[in-house]
Protein backbone atom coordinates (compact mmCIF):
# COMPACT_ATOMS: atom_id res chain seq x y z
CA MET A 1 121.10 122.30 91.14
CA ARG A 2 117.65 119.53 91.40
CA GLU A 3 117.33 117.72 88.25
CA LEU A 4 113.97 118.98 87.39
CA TYR A 5 110.89 116.10 86.07
CA GLU A 6 107.76 117.20 83.66
CA MET A 7 104.84 115.54 83.69
CA ARG A 8 104.27 114.39 80.16
CA LEU A 9 101.58 112.97 80.10
CA SER A 10 98.18 115.11 78.48
CA ASP A 11 95.73 116.41 81.07
CA ALA A 12 93.47 113.38 79.06
CA GLN A 13 95.76 110.65 80.08
CA TRP A 14 96.23 112.52 83.43
CA TRP A 15 92.27 112.51 83.98
CA ALA A 16 92.16 108.76 82.40
CA CYS A 17 95.32 107.27 85.57
CA ASP A 18 93.80 110.11 88.40
CA ILE A 19 90.61 108.79 88.56
CA PRO A 20 91.12 105.08 89.40
CA GLY A 21 93.94 105.68 91.43
CA ASN A 22 92.66 107.69 93.27
CA ILE A 23 89.40 105.11 93.39
CA GLY A 24 91.97 102.61 94.93
CA TRP A 25 94.08 104.22 97.67
CA ILE A 26 90.20 105.14 98.65
CA VAL A 27 88.81 102.00 98.47
CA TRP A 28 92.40 100.53 99.85
CA ILE A 29 92.67 102.99 103.35
CA ALA A 30 88.35 102.20 103.55
CA CYS A 31 89.44 98.59 103.93
CA ALA A 32 92.17 99.20 106.14
CA VAL A 33 89.89 101.33 108.47
CA LEU A 34 87.15 98.82 109.01
CA CYS A 35 90.03 95.67 109.35
CA LEU A 36 91.77 97.28 112.11
CA LEU A 37 87.57 98.16 113.97
CA ASP A 38 86.99 94.54 113.20
CA GLY A 39 89.76 93.89 115.85
CA ILE A 40 94.18 93.77 115.64
CA THR A 41 95.05 90.74 113.66
CA LEU A 42 97.70 89.82 111.23
CA PHE A 43 96.02 91.12 108.28
CA SER A 44 94.77 94.18 109.78
CA VAL A 45 97.57 94.96 110.70
CA LEU A 46 99.53 94.07 107.58
CA ALA A 47 96.90 95.97 105.78
CA VAL A 48 97.81 99.30 107.49
CA LEU A 49 101.96 99.28 105.82
CA PRO A 50 100.31 99.33 102.35
CA ALA A 51 97.83 102.21 103.83
CA LEU A 52 101.38 104.79 105.19
CA LEU A 53 102.70 104.33 102.00
CA MET A 54 99.52 105.40 100.57
CA LEU A 55 98.31 108.04 102.86
CA ALA A 56 102.27 109.11 102.45
CA GLY A 57 102.15 109.73 98.78
CA VAL A 58 98.99 111.09 98.90
CA ILE A 59 100.25 113.99 101.62
CA GLU A 60 102.65 114.85 99.28
CA LEU A 61 101.14 115.18 96.49
CA ILE A 62 98.29 117.16 98.26
CA SER A 63 101.66 119.70 99.51
CA GLU A 64 102.62 119.68 95.77
CA ARG A 65 99.50 121.14 94.80
CA ILE A 66 98.83 123.33 97.40
CA ALA A 67 102.92 125.03 96.45
CA GLY A 68 101.36 125.60 93.11
CA LEU A 69 103.71 122.47 91.39
CA GLY A 70 102.29 119.27 89.27
CA ARG A 71 104.18 119.26 86.41
CA VAL A 72 107.33 120.36 87.66
CA LEU A 73 108.83 118.38 89.93
CA THR A 74 111.97 117.63 91.48
CA ARG A 75 112.81 113.71 91.82
CA ALA A 76 112.28 113.52 95.30
CA ARG A 77 109.05 114.69 95.47
CA VAL A 78 108.58 112.32 92.20
CA LEU A 79 108.97 109.45 94.65
CA ARG A 80 107.87 110.85 97.77
CA GLY A 81 104.15 111.03 95.52
CA PHE A 82 104.00 108.49 93.08
CA GLY A 83 106.69 106.21 94.26
CA ALA A 84 105.27 105.76 97.55
CA LEU A 85 101.55 105.45 95.92
CA THR A 86 102.58 102.77 93.51
CA LEU A 87 104.63 100.98 96.20
CA GLY A 88 101.99 101.01 98.46
CA GLY A 89 99.31 99.28 95.77
CA LEU A 90 101.97 97.58 94.77
CA LEU A 91 102.35 96.00 98.71
CA GLY A 92 98.79 96.06 98.95
CA ILE A 93 98.43 93.11 95.93
CA PRO A 94 100.37 90.63 98.58
CA VAL A 95 98.92 91.61 101.44
CA ALA A 96 95.55 91.45 99.99
CA LEU A 97 96.00 87.88 98.22
CA TYR A 98 97.04 86.51 102.16
CA GLY A 99 93.61 88.15 103.18
CA TRP A 100 91.76 86.58 101.14
CA LEU A 101 93.42 83.00 100.87
CA ALA A 102 93.83 83.02 104.46
CA GLU A 103 89.95 83.78 104.69
CA THR A 104 89.92 86.41 106.78
CA GLY A 105 88.29 90.02 106.17
CA GLY A 106 84.98 88.70 104.92
CA ASN A 107 85.11 89.62 100.97
CA ARG A 108 87.54 93.09 101.99
CA PRO A 109 90.41 91.78 100.55
CA VAL A 110 89.05 91.31 97.53
CA TRP A 111 87.80 94.71 97.22
CA MET A 112 91.67 95.77 98.93
CA LEU A 113 93.00 93.25 95.86
CA ALA A 114 91.71 95.79 93.21
CA GLY A 115 91.91 98.66 94.97
CA ALA A 116 96.05 98.09 95.64
CA ALA A 117 95.82 96.96 91.89
CA LEU A 118 94.22 100.16 90.52
CA CYS A 119 95.79 102.28 93.12
CA ALA A 120 99.53 100.50 91.78
CA VAL A 121 99.16 100.74 87.83
CA PHE A 122 97.63 103.99 87.30
CA ALA A 123 100.00 105.96 90.11
CA GLY A 124 102.65 104.42 88.53
CA LEU A 125 101.82 105.23 85.01
CA CYS A 126 101.69 108.87 86.52
CA TRP A 127 105.15 108.06 87.59
CA LYS A 128 106.34 106.77 85.04
CA GLY A 129 104.77 109.86 83.10
CA TYR A 130 107.52 111.98 84.32
CA ARG A 131 110.55 112.75 82.43
CA PRO A 132 113.63 115.16 82.78
CA LYS A 133 113.04 118.06 82.39
CA GLU A 134 114.88 119.60 78.52
CA GLY A 135 116.86 122.48 78.81
């Protein structure tokens, strides 16, 4: 039998994490798309990698909602959802720093750094809110 994990955050804690986390991945993906539209560069290609992880996490979380899941998930679903979002945010931090230090993309890398940090921190807090279900 697969081990189930249950969300241990209150609704208020959930919303406090969900809103800034969503802002983070939305900012990252929007900026990554704009970077690609400006042209294919090393920075724009690197920006796609965290975006793909974030997008995979978001798709997993949406599929969980459609399936009526949310507070009780398998370990695999928790990892595919919040794990992918957290990893995407963590990977985005050095990518954004590279863009900032290389002075590429104008002020976009600063926005991307903020988005990556928001995504990593708040998706990570949601991820850590899941604990093995008792009973």
